[in-house]
Amino acid sequence: MTSNPKAGRGSTDEPHGPSGGPERAAPEHPETETERRKRRALFLRELAEARELRARVQPRRTKERRMREAMRMRTFRI
C-alpha cells in the first residue's frame, strides 16, 4: 500500500499553480501573437460579462456610479 494521497487519480508530474492548473512559467514553445490575442480577447469578453452581471446584480451602485461619472464629465466641460 502507498501513502501517496494522489495515487490512483491519474496525476502527472507537471507542476501546478495555486489555481490547480499547470503553471505557465516555462512553456515549451513561445506563445505566438495569434494565441496571445485569442487569450486576450477571451479575457476581455469575460471581463465585460462580469461587469454586466455586476451591473444587473447591483443596479443602485451602477446608477450612482453613472451619476458620479456624468457629474465629473460636466465639471470639466468648457
N, C-alpha and C. Protein backbone atom coordinates (compact mmCIF):
# COMPACT_ATOMS: atom_id res chain seq x y z
N MET A 1 0.83 -1.19 0.00
CA MET A 1 0.00 0.00 0.00
C MET A 1 0.87 1.24 0.00
N THR A 2 0.40 2.28 -0.72
CA THR A 2 1.14 3.53 -0.76
C THR A 2 0.42 4.56 0.08
N SER A 3 1.18 5.52 0.59
CA SER A 3 0.59 6.58 1.40
C SER A 3 0.44 7.87 0.60
N ASN A 4 0.67 7.81 -0.71
CA ASN A 4 0.55 8.98 -1.57
C ASN A 4 -0.93 9.32 -1.75
N PRO A 5 -1.38 10.53 -1.32
CA PRO A 5 -2.80 10.89 -1.44
C PRO A 5 -3.26 11.05 -2.89
N LYS A 6 -2.33 11.28 -3.80
CA LYS A 6 -2.71 11.47 -5.20
C LYS A 6 -2.70 10.17 -5.99
N ALA A 7 -2.32 9.09 -5.37
CA ALA A 7 -2.24 7.81 -6.07
C ALA A 7 -3.62 7.40 -6.55
N GLY A 8 -3.68 6.94 -7.80
CA GLY A 8 -4.94 6.47 -8.34
C GLY A 8 -5.79 7.55 -8.96
N ARG A 9 -5.36 8.79 -8.93
CA ARG A 9 -6.12 9.89 -9.52
C ARG A 9 -5.65 10.25 -10.91
N GLY A 10 -4.66 9.55 -11.40
CA GLY A 10 -4.14 9.85 -12.73
C GLY A 10 -3.33 11.12 -12.74
N SER A 11 -2.68 11.44 -11.64
CA SER A 11 -1.91 12.67 -11.57
C SER A 11 -0.65 12.56 -12.41
N THR A 12 -0.19 13.69 -12.88
CA THR A 12 1.03 13.73 -13.67
C THR A 12 2.11 14.41 -12.87
N ASP A 13 3.29 14.46 -13.40
CA ASP A 13 4.40 15.09 -12.72
C ASP A 13 4.51 16.57 -13.05
N GLU A 14 3.50 17.14 -13.70
CA GLU A 14 3.53 18.56 -14.04
C GLU A 14 3.32 19.40 -12.80
N PRO A 15 4.06 20.52 -12.68
CA PRO A 15 3.82 21.42 -11.54
C PRO A 15 2.49 22.14 -11.73
N HIS A 16 1.81 22.35 -10.65
CA HIS A 16 0.53 23.04 -10.70
C HIS A 16 0.60 24.32 -9.91
N GLY A 17 -0.07 25.34 -10.41
CA GLY A 17 -0.12 26.62 -9.75
C GLY A 17 -1.18 26.65 -8.68
N PRO A 18 -1.40 27.81 -8.04
CA PRO A 18 -2.38 27.91 -6.97
C PRO A 18 -3.81 27.68 -7.44
N SER A 19 -4.09 27.86 -8.72
CA SER A 19 -5.44 27.66 -9.23
C SER A 19 -5.70 26.21 -9.60
N GLY A 20 -4.68 25.34 -9.48
CA GLY A 20 -4.86 23.94 -9.80
C GLY A 20 -4.48 23.61 -11.23
N GLY A 21 -4.30 24.59 -12.08
CA GLY A 21 -3.93 24.35 -13.46
C GLY A 21 -2.42 24.34 -13.60
N PRO A 22 -1.93 23.89 -14.73
CA PRO A 22 -0.48 23.88 -14.93
C PRO A 22 0.07 25.30 -14.95
N GLU A 23 1.25 25.47 -14.40
CA GLU A 23 1.88 26.79 -14.40
C GLU A 23 2.33 27.14 -15.81
N ARG A 24 2.36 28.44 -16.13
CA ARG A 24 2.78 28.90 -17.44
C ARG A 24 4.16 29.53 -17.38
N ALA A 25 4.98 29.13 -16.41
CA ALA A 25 6.28 29.78 -16.21
C ALA A 25 7.25 29.50 -17.35
N ALA A 26 7.34 28.24 -17.79
CA ALA A 26 8.32 27.90 -18.81
C ALA A 26 7.66 27.07 -19.91
N PRO A 27 6.99 27.72 -20.87
CA PRO A 27 6.36 26.96 -21.94
C PRO A 27 7.41 26.32 -22.85
N GLU A 28 7.04 25.20 -23.47
CA GLU A 28 7.97 24.50 -24.35
C GLU A 28 8.22 25.31 -25.62
N HIS A 29 7.19 25.96 -26.13
CA HIS A 29 7.35 26.80 -27.32
C HIS A 29 6.82 28.19 -26.99
N PRO A 30 7.45 29.22 -27.53
CA PRO A 30 6.97 30.58 -27.25
C PRO A 30 5.57 30.77 -27.81
N GLU A 31 4.78 31.54 -27.08
CA GLU A 31 3.41 31.80 -27.49
C GLU A 31 3.40 32.70 -28.72
N THR A 32 2.58 32.35 -29.70
CA THR A 32 2.52 33.16 -30.91
C THR A 32 1.63 34.37 -30.66
N GLU A 33 1.75 35.34 -31.50
CA GLU A 33 0.94 36.56 -31.39
C GLU A 33 -0.54 36.24 -31.51
N THR A 34 -0.89 35.31 -32.39
CA THR A 34 -2.30 34.92 -32.58
C THR A 34 -2.86 34.30 -31.31
N GLU A 35 -2.09 33.41 -30.68
CA GLU A 35 -2.55 32.77 -29.44
C GLU A 35 -2.73 33.81 -28.34
N ARG A 36 -1.78 34.73 -28.25
CA ARG A 36 -1.86 35.78 -27.23
C ARG A 36 -3.10 36.63 -27.44
N ARG A 37 -3.39 37.00 -28.69
CA ARG A 37 -4.57 37.82 -28.99
C ARG A 37 -5.86 37.07 -28.68
N LYS A 38 -5.90 35.78 -28.98
CA LYS A 38 -7.10 34.98 -28.66
C LYS A 38 -7.33 34.93 -27.16
N ARG A 39 -6.24 34.69 -26.42
CA ARG A 39 -6.35 34.65 -24.96
C ARG A 39 -6.81 36.00 -24.41
N ARG A 40 -6.26 37.07 -24.95
CA ARG A 40 -6.62 38.42 -24.50
C ARG A 40 -8.08 38.73 -24.82
N ALA A 41 -8.53 38.35 -26.03
CA ALA A 41 -9.92 38.58 -26.42
C ALA A 41 -10.87 37.82 -25.50
N LEU A 42 -10.52 36.58 -25.17
CA LEU A 42 -11.34 35.80 -24.26
C LEU A 42 -11.40 36.46 -22.88
N PHE A 43 -10.25 36.91 -22.39
CA PHE A 43 -10.21 37.58 -21.10
C PHE A 43 -11.08 38.82 -21.10
N LEU A 44 -10.98 39.64 -22.15
CA LEU A 44 -11.76 40.88 -22.21
C LEU A 44 -13.26 40.59 -22.31
N ARG A 45 -13.62 39.54 -23.06
CA ARG A 45 -15.05 39.15 -23.13
C ARG A 45 -15.57 38.76 -21.76
N GLU A 46 -14.79 37.94 -21.04
CA GLU A 46 -15.21 37.51 -19.71
C GLU A 46 -15.27 38.67 -18.74
N LEU A 47 -14.34 39.61 -18.86
CA LEU A 47 -14.35 40.79 -18.01
C LEU A 47 -15.60 41.64 -18.25
N ALA A 48 -15.94 41.85 -19.52
CA ALA A 48 -17.14 42.62 -19.86
C ALA A 48 -18.39 41.91 -19.35
N GLU A 49 -18.42 40.59 -19.48
CA GLU A 49 -19.56 39.81 -18.99
C GLU A 49 -19.70 39.95 -17.47
N ALA A 50 -18.57 39.91 -16.77
CA ALA A 50 -18.61 40.05 -15.31
C ALA A 50 -19.09 41.43 -14.91
N ARG A 51 -18.67 42.46 -15.64
CA ARG A 51 -19.13 43.83 -15.33
C ARG A 51 -20.63 43.96 -15.58
N GLU A 52 -21.12 43.36 -16.66
CA GLU A 52 -22.57 43.41 -16.94
C GLU A 52 -23.35 42.70 -15.85
N LEU A 53 -22.85 41.56 -15.41
CA LEU A 53 -23.51 40.82 -14.35
C LEU A 53 -23.55 41.64 -13.06
N ARG A 54 -22.43 42.28 -12.73
CA ARG A 54 -22.39 43.10 -11.53
C ARG A 54 -23.37 44.26 -11.64
N ALA A 55 -23.48 44.85 -12.83
CA ALA A 55 -24.41 45.96 -13.03
C ALA A 55 -25.86 45.50 -12.85
N ARG A 56 -26.16 44.26 -13.26
CA ARG A 56 -27.52 43.74 -13.08
C ARG A 56 -27.81 43.41 -11.63
N VAL A 57 -26.80 42.90 -10.93
CA VAL A 57 -26.99 42.48 -9.55
C VAL A 57 -27.04 43.68 -8.61
N GLN A 58 -26.29 44.72 -8.92
CA GLN A 58 -26.23 45.90 -8.05
C GLN A 58 -26.65 47.14 -8.83
N PRO A 59 -27.93 47.26 -9.23
CA PRO A 59 -28.33 48.39 -10.06
C PRO A 59 -28.18 49.74 -9.38
N ARG A 60 -28.37 49.80 -8.07
CA ARG A 60 -28.26 51.10 -7.37
C ARG A 60 -26.83 51.62 -7.46
N ARG A 61 -25.86 50.75 -7.19
CA ARG A 61 -24.47 51.17 -7.26
C ARG A 61 -24.10 51.59 -8.68
N THR A 62 -24.62 50.88 -9.65
CA THR A 62 -24.34 51.21 -11.05
C THR A 62 -24.90 52.58 -11.38
N LYS A 63 -26.13 52.85 -10.93
CA LYS A 63 -26.74 54.15 -11.20
C LYS A 63 -25.94 55.26 -10.53
N GLU A 64 -25.53 55.04 -9.28
CA GLU A 64 -24.73 56.04 -8.57
C GLU A 64 -23.41 56.28 -9.30
N ARG A 65 -22.79 55.20 -9.78
CA ARG A 65 -21.52 55.35 -10.49
C ARG A 65 -21.71 56.16 -11.76
N ARG A 66 -22.80 55.86 -12.50
CA ARG A 66 -23.07 56.63 -13.72
C ARG A 66 -23.32 58.10 -13.41
N MET A 67 -24.04 58.38 -12.32
CA MET A 67 -24.32 59.76 -11.94
C MET A 67 -23.03 60.50 -11.57
N ARG A 68 -22.16 59.84 -10.80
CA ARG A 68 -20.88 60.46 -10.43
C ARG A 68 -20.03 60.72 -11.67
N GLU A 69 -20.01 59.75 -12.58
CA GLU A 69 -19.21 59.91 -13.80
C GLU A 69 -19.76 61.07 -14.64
N ALA A 70 -21.09 61.18 -14.74
CA ALA A 70 -21.69 62.28 -15.50
C ALA A 70 -21.35 63.62 -14.86
N MET A 71 -21.40 63.69 -13.53
CA MET A 71 -21.06 64.94 -12.83
C MET A 71 -19.60 65.30 -13.07
N ARG A 72 -18.73 64.30 -13.03
CA ARG A 72 -17.32 64.54 -13.27
C ARG A 72 -17.09 65.05 -14.68
N MET A 73 -17.81 64.49 -15.66
CA MET A 73 -17.64 64.93 -17.05
C MET A 73 -18.15 66.36 -17.21
N ARG A 74 -19.24 66.71 -16.53
CA ARG A 74 -19.78 68.08 -16.61
C ARG A 74 -18.81 69.08 -16.00
N THR A 75 -18.08 68.65 -14.97
CA THR A 75 -17.15 69.54 -14.27
C THR A 75 -16.07 70.06 -15.21
N PHE A 76 -15.63 69.25 -16.14
CA PHE A 76 -14.51 69.63 -17.00
C PHE A 76 -14.92 70.14 -18.36
N ARG A 77 -16.21 70.37 -18.58
CA ARG A 77 -16.66 70.92 -19.86
C ARG A 77 -16.27 72.38 -19.99
N ILE A 78 -16.05 72.78 -21.21
CA ILE A 78 -15.71 74.19 -21.46
C ILE A 78 -16.95 74.95 -21.87
